[in-house]
Amino acid sequence: MKKTVSVLLAGFGGQGILFAGKVLASAGLLTGKKVSWLPSYGPEMRGGTANCGVVLSDTEIGSPLVLHPDYLVVMNEPSFERFEPMTAKGGKLIADSSLVVGHSKRPDITESRVDATRLAQENHLCGLANIIMLGRLIRESGILSVSAVQKALAACIPAAKKALLAGNLAALELGCR
């Protein structure tokens, strides 16, 4: 049976949206999936908008564009407002409730909320709300194993920043709870 899953991660530049997408794509590669990762960000980058689409598939991927994501991960209100209408019927929206006030009114999607920014601050993991959100995506979707994402984190963090791996792993675990 052919299995293709599309994910769109969106938020402000500087929230680590593109990095979270890169980790997700890398984890897919580590498990033998066909993968596409397509980043997009506003010209101002930090503070502007950022999003990335990730497609994971058992077969060749025809297009890297994620127009109707199966899973939408949003970390700010503007991303919620922009992308929630595009979520595929039967899809899942995961929102950082620290920064996203709005709620979906669509009966054809499932919404989940995690207070990721607050959890990151309370657990001395500032700047890692993105990885908490990635952990929640993994827990709720089952699209990849936690161990694959842990390995991808180790591979994606540059050698000069390996000291950051422990915090990233803790944030992932927090999101998976």
C-alpha atoms as a PDB file:
ATOM      1  CA  MET A   1       0.000   0.000   0.000  1.00  0.00           C
ATOM      2  CA  LYS A   2       1.319   3.428  -0.990  1.00  0.00           C
ATOM      3  CA  LYS A   3       1.719   5.847   1.904  1.00  0.00           C
ATOM      4  CA  THR A   4       2.445   9.548   1.451  1.00  0.00           C
ATOM      5  CA  VAL A   5       2.156  12.094   4.242  1.00  0.00           C
ATOM      6  CA  SER A   6       2.490  15.857   3.904  1.00  0.00           C
ATOM      7  CA  VAL A   7       3.364  18.195   6.741  1.00  0.00           C
ATOM      8  CA  LEU A   8       3.455  21.980   6.828  1.00  0.00           C
ATOM      9  CA  LEU A   9       5.257  23.707   9.699  1.00  0.00           C
ATOM     10  CA  ALA A  10       4.736  27.464  10.033  1.00  0.00           C
ATOM     11  CA  GLY A  11       5.561  30.361  12.346  1.00  0.00           C
ATOM     12  CA  PHE A  12       7.802  33.382  12.722  1.00  0.00           C
ATOM     13  CA  GLY A  13      11.354  33.452  11.412  1.00  0.00           C
ATOM     14  CA  GLY A  14      13.669  32.679  14.325  1.00  0.00           C
ATOM     15  CA  GLN A  15      11.348  30.068  15.874  1.00  0.00           C
ATOM     16  CA  GLY A  16      13.269  27.207  14.278  1.00  0.00           C
ATOM     17  CA  ILE A  17      10.528  26.229  11.835  1.00  0.00           C
ATOM     18  CA  LEU A  18      12.953  25.376   9.026  1.00  0.00           C
ATOM     19  CA  PHE A  19      15.218  23.431  11.383  1.00  0.00           C
ATOM     20  CA  ALA A  20      12.278  21.366  12.684  1.00  0.00           C
ATOM     21  CA  GLY A  21      11.315  20.584   9.080  1.00  0.00           C
ATOM     22  CA  LYS A  22      14.887  19.632   8.264  1.00  0.00           C
ATOM     23  CA  VAL A  23      14.983  17.249  11.241  1.00  0.00           C
ATOM     24  CA  LEU A  24      11.666  15.705  10.155  1.00  0.00           C
ATOM     25  CA  ALA A  25      12.934  15.228   6.596  1.00  0.00           C
ATOM     26  CA  SER A  26      16.241  13.790   7.832  1.00  0.00           C
ATOM     27  CA  ALA A  27      14.400  11.318  10.050  1.00  0.00           C
ATOM     28  CA  GLY A  28      12.391  10.246   7.016  1.00  0.00           C
ATOM     29  CA  LEU A  29      15.582   9.651   5.045  1.00  0.00           C
ATOM     30  CA  LEU A  30      17.047   7.641   7.919  1.00  0.00           C
ATOM     31  CA  THR A  31      14.031   5.319   7.787  1.00  0.00           C
ATOM     32  CA  GLY A  32      14.233   4.796   4.030  1.00  0.00           C
ATOM     33  CA  LYS A  33      11.426   7.136   3.000  1.00  0.00           C
ATOM     34  CA  LYS A  34      11.408   9.291  -0.107  1.00  0.00           C
ATOM     35  CA  VAL A  35      11.515  12.856   1.166  1.00  0.00           C
ATOM     36  CA  SER A  36      11.079  16.442   0.053  1.00  0.00           C
ATOM     37  CA  TRP A  37      11.760  19.516   2.192  1.00  0.00           C
ATOM     38  CA  LEU A  38      10.778  22.906   0.820  1.00  0.00           C
ATOM     39  CA  PRO A  39      11.526  25.948   3.010  1.00  0.00           C
ATOM     40  CA  SER A  40       9.908  29.336   2.529  1.00  0.00           C
ATOM     41  CA  TYR A  41      10.521  32.528   4.462  1.00  0.00           C
ATOM     42  CA  GLY A  42       9.843  36.229   4.175  1.00  0.00           C
ATOM     43  CA  PRO A  43      12.636  38.588   3.184  1.00  0.00           C
ATOM     44  CA  GLU A  44      13.050  39.836   6.748  1.00  0.00           C
ATOM     45  CA  MET A  45      13.647  36.274   8.079  1.00  0.00           C
ATOM     46  CA  ARG A  46      13.885  36.718  11.880  1.00  0.00           C
ATOM     47  CA  GLY A  47      10.496  38.012  12.964  1.00  0.00           C
ATOM     48  CA  GLY A  48       9.000  37.597   9.490  1.00  0.00           C
ATOM     49  CA  THR A  49       7.084  34.560   8.333  1.00  0.00           C
ATOM     50  CA  ALA A  50       8.634  31.154   7.841  1.00  0.00           C
ATOM     51  CA  ASN A  51       7.186  27.837   6.793  1.00  0.00           C
ATOM     52  CA  CYS A  52       8.341  24.614   5.276  1.00  0.00           C
ATOM     53  CA  GLY A  53       6.646  21.702   3.657  1.00  0.00           C
ATOM     54  CA  VAL A  54       7.844  18.158   4.196  1.00  0.00           C
ATOM     55  CA  VAL A  55       6.572  15.194   2.213  1.00  0.00           C
ATOM     56  CA  LEU A  56       7.384  11.657   3.363  1.00  0.00           C
ATOM     57  CA  SER A  57       6.509   8.815   1.031  1.00  0.00           C
ATOM     58  CA  ASP A  58       7.077   5.151   0.306  1.00  0.00           C
ATOM     59  CA  THR A  59       7.139   6.003  -3.423  1.00  0.00           C
ATOM     60  CA  GLU A  60       8.576   8.743  -5.609  1.00  0.00           C
ATOM     61  CA  ILE A  61       7.313  12.245  -4.818  1.00  0.00           C
ATOM     62  CA  GLY A  62       5.802  14.094  -7.749  1.00  0.00           C
ATOM     63  CA  SER A  63       5.916  17.583  -6.250  1.00  0.00           C
ATOM     64  CA  PRO A  64       7.516  19.065  -3.130  1.00  0.00           C
ATOM     65  CA  LEU A  65       4.671  21.568  -2.734  1.00  0.00           C
ATOM     66  CA  VAL A  66       2.438  21.053   0.283  1.00  0.00           C
ATOM     67  CA  LEU A  67      -0.814  22.734  -0.679  1.00  0.00           C
ATOM     68  CA  HIS A  68      -3.163  20.715   1.542  1.00  0.00           C
ATOM     69  CA  PRO A  69      -1.155  19.298   4.456  1.00  0.00           C
ATOM     70  CA  ASP A  70      -2.227  16.158   6.249  1.00  0.00           C
ATOM     71  CA  TYR A  71      -0.577  17.700   9.327  1.00  0.00           C
ATOM     72  CA  LEU A  72      -0.302  21.422   9.989  1.00  0.00           C
ATOM     73  CA  VAL A  73       1.981  22.614  12.803  1.00  0.00           C
ATOM     74  CA  VAL A  74       1.540  26.328  13.585  1.00  0.00           C
ATOM     75  CA  MET A  75       3.523  28.399  16.046  1.00  0.00           C
ATOM     76  CA  ASN A  76       1.889  31.809  15.611  1.00  0.00           C
ATOM     77  CA  GLU A  77      -1.498  33.364  14.914  1.00  0.00           C
ATOM     78  CA  PRO A  78      -0.731  34.637  11.385  1.00  0.00           C
ATOM     79  CA  SER A  79       0.294  31.112  10.327  1.00  0.00           C
ATOM     80  CA  PHE A  80      -2.868  29.674  11.859  1.00  0.00           C
ATOM     81  CA  GLU A  81      -5.011  32.174   9.953  1.00  0.00           C
ATOM     82  CA  ARG A  82      -3.169  31.627   6.681  1.00  0.00           C
ATOM     83  CA  PHE A  83      -2.790  27.839   6.619  1.00  0.00           C
ATOM     84  CA  GLU A  84      -5.696  26.403   8.649  1.00  0.00           C
ATOM     85  CA  PRO A  85      -8.088  26.703   5.675  1.00  0.00           C
ATOM     86  CA  MET A  86      -5.623  24.730   3.515  1.00  0.00           C
ATOM     87  CA  THR A  87      -5.432  21.702   5.823  1.00  0.00           C
ATOM     88  CA  ALA A  88      -6.614  18.538   4.097  1.00  0.00           C
ATOM     89  CA  LYS A  89     -10.016  17.134   5.015  1.00  0.00           C
ATOM     90  CA  GLY A  90      -9.411  14.597   7.749  1.00  0.00           C
ATOM     91  CA  GLY A  91      -6.131  16.360   8.559  1.00  0.00           C
ATOM     92  CA  LYS A  92      -4.717  17.391  11.888  1.00  0.00           C
ATOM     93  CA  LEU A  93      -3.752  20.854  13.110  1.00  0.00           C
ATOM     94  CA  ILE A  94      -1.265  21.145  15.982  1.00  0.00           C
ATOM     95  CA  ALA A  95      -1.000  24.651  17.444  1.00  0.00           C
ATOM     96  CA  ASP A  96       1.328  26.246  19.996  1.00  0.00           C
ATOM     97  CA  SER A  97      -1.343  27.504  22.398  1.00  0.00           C
ATOM     98  CA  SER A  98       1.173  29.929  23.929  1.00  0.00           C
ATOM     99  CA  LEU A  99       1.011  32.006  20.744  1.00  0.00           C
ATOM    100  CA  VAL A 100      -2.058  30.820  18.814  1.00  0.00           C
ATOM    101  CA  VAL A 101      -5.332  32.105  20.232  1.00  0.00           C
ATOM    102  CA  GLY A 102      -7.662  31.112  17.408  1.00  0.00           C
ATOM    103  CA  HIS A 103      -9.356  27.737  17.186  1.00  0.00           C
ATOM    104  CA  SER A 104     -10.440  25.918  14.073  1.00  0.00           C
ATOM    105  CA  LYS A 105     -14.131  25.894  13.363  1.00  0.00           C
ATOM    106  CA  ARG A 106     -13.743  23.173  10.757  1.00  0.00           C
ATOM    107  CA  PRO A 107     -15.514  19.924  11.671  1.00  0.00           C
ATOM    108  CA  ASP A 108     -13.464  17.981   9.098  1.00  0.00           C
ATOM    109  CA  ILE A 109     -10.074  18.378  10.838  1.00  0.00           C
ATOM    110  CA  THR A 110      -8.784  17.511  14.291  1.00  0.00           C
ATOM    111  CA  GLU A 111      -7.103  20.185  16.379  1.00  0.00           C
ATOM    112  CA  SER A 112      -4.528  19.626  19.075  1.00  0.00           C
ATOM    113  CA  ARG A 113      -2.881  22.271  21.218  1.00  0.00           C
ATOM    114  CA  VAL A 114       0.356  22.249  23.157  1.00  0.00           C
ATOM    115  CA  ASP A 115       1.666  25.140  25.240  1.00  0.00           C
ATOM    116  CA  ALA A 116       5.103  24.700  23.674  1.00  0.00           C
ATOM    117  CA  THR A 117       6.604  28.146  24.218  1.00  0.00           C
ATOM    118  CA  ARG A 118       5.609  28.145  27.890  1.00  0.00           C
ATOM    119  CA  LEU A 119       6.826  24.560  28.360  1.00  0.00           C
ATOM    120  CA  ALA A 120      10.174  25.455  26.792  1.00  0.00           C
ATOM    121  CA  GLN A 121      10.599  28.396  29.156  1.00  0.00           C
ATOM    122  CA  GLU A 122       9.534  26.470  32.258  1.00  0.00           C
ATOM    123  CA  ASN A 123      11.929  23.629  31.475  1.00  0.00           C
ATOM    124  CA  HIS A 124      14.922  25.870  30.691  1.00  0.00           C
ATOM    125  CA  LEU A 125      14.686  24.947  27.015  1.00  0.00           C
ATOM    126  CA  CYS A 126      14.268  28.467  25.643  1.00  0.00           C
ATOM    127  CA  GLY A 127      14.321  28.512  21.857  1.00  0.00           C
ATOM    128  CA  LEU A 128      13.256  24.859  21.626  1.00  0.00           C
ATOM    129  CA  ALA A 129       9.472  25.200  21.380  1.00  0.00           C
ATOM    130  CA  ASN A 130       9.919  24.074  17.755  1.00  0.00           C
ATOM    131  CA  ILE A 131      11.306  20.721  18.893  1.00  0.00           C
ATOM    132  CA  ILE A 132       8.535  20.346  21.475  1.00  0.00           C
ATOM    133  CA  MET A 133       6.066  20.863  18.602  1.00  0.00           C
ATOM    134  CA  LEU A 134       7.975  18.319  16.495  1.00  0.00           C
ATOM    135  CA  GLY A 135       7.702  15.825  19.354  1.00  0.00           C
ATOM    136  CA  ARG A 136       3.957  16.397  19.553  1.00  0.00           C
ATOM    137  CA  LEU A 137       3.658  15.872  15.796  1.00  0.00           C
ATOM    138  CA  ILE A 138       5.535  12.567  16.081  1.00  0.00           C
ATOM    139  CA  ARG A 139       3.404  11.427  19.025  1.00  0.00           C
ATOM    140  CA  GLU A 140       0.083  12.294  17.428  1.00  0.00           C
ATOM    141  CA  SER A 141       0.844  11.231  13.870  1.00  0.00           C
ATOM    142  CA  GLY A 142       2.994   8.133  14.280  1.00  0.00           C
ATOM    143  CA  ILE A 143       4.579   8.994  10.921  1.00  0.00           C
ATOM    144  CA  LEU A 144       8.087   8.309  12.254  1.00  0.00           C
ATOM    145  CA  SER A 145       9.588   6.734  15.332  1.00  0.00           C
ATOM    146  CA  VAL A 146      10.962   8.832  18.160  1.00  0.00           C
ATOM    147  CA  SER A 147      14.315   7.072  17.800  1.00  0.00           C
ATOM    148  CA  ALA A 148      14.545   8.104  14.132  1.00  0.00           C
ATOM    149  CA  VAL A 149      13.923  11.731  15.100  1.00  0.00           C
ATOM    150  CA  GLN A 150      16.507  11.487  17.893  1.00  0.00           C
ATOM    151  CA  LYS A 151      19.080  10.227  15.365  1.00  0.00           C
ATOM    152  CA  ALA A 152      18.101  12.976  12.933  1.00  0.00           C
ATOM    153  CA  LEU A 153      18.583  15.623  15.627  1.00  0.00           C
ATOM    154  CA  ALA A 154      22.083  14.291  16.286  1.00  0.00           C
ATOM    155  CA  ALA A 155      22.829  14.433  12.564  1.00  0.00           C
ATOM    156  CA  CYS A 156      21.333  17.897  11.958  1.00  0.00           C
ATOM    157  CA  ILE A 157      22.976  19.767  14.811  1.00  0.00           C
ATOM    158  CA  PRO A 158      26.339  21.063  13.546  1.00  0.00           C
ATOM    159  CA  ALA A 159      29.499  19.683  15.158  1.00  0.00           C
ATOM    160  CA  ALA A 160      30.299  23.111  16.619  1.00  0.00           C
ATOM    161  CA  LYS A 161      26.948  23.068  18.452  1.00  0.00           C
ATOM    162  CA  LYS A 162      26.834  19.437  19.666  1.00  0.00           C
ATOM    163  CA  ALA A 163      26.435  20.718  23.234  1.00  0.00           C
ATOM    164  CA  LEU A 164      22.883  21.677  22.213  1.00  0.00           C
ATOM    165  CA  LEU A 165      21.897  18.061  21.490  1.00  0.00           C
ATOM    166  CA  ALA A 166      20.911  17.231  25.086  1.00  0.00           C
ATOM    167  CA  GLY A 167      18.469  20.144  25.267  1.00  0.00           C
ATOM    168  CA  ASN A 168      16.978  19.259  21.891  1.00  0.00           C
ATOM    169  CA  LEU A 169      16.482  15.651  22.974  1.00  0.00           C
ATOM    170  CA  ALA A 170      14.818  16.820  26.202  1.00  0.00           C
ATOM    171  CA  ALA A 171      12.500  19.108  24.221  1.00  0.00           C
ATOM    172  CA  LEU A 172      11.596  16.248  21.866  1.00  0.00           C
ATOM    173  CA  GLU A 173      10.781  14.013  24.821  1.00  0.00           C
ATOM    174  CA  LEU A 174       8.669  16.756  26.388  1.00  0.00           C
ATOM    175  CA  GLY A 175       6.668  17.099  23.172  1.00  0.00           C
ATOM    176  CA  CYS A 176       6.162  13.345  22.936  1.00  0.00           C
ATOM    177  CA  ARG A 177       4.467  13.172  26.368  1.00  0.00           C
END
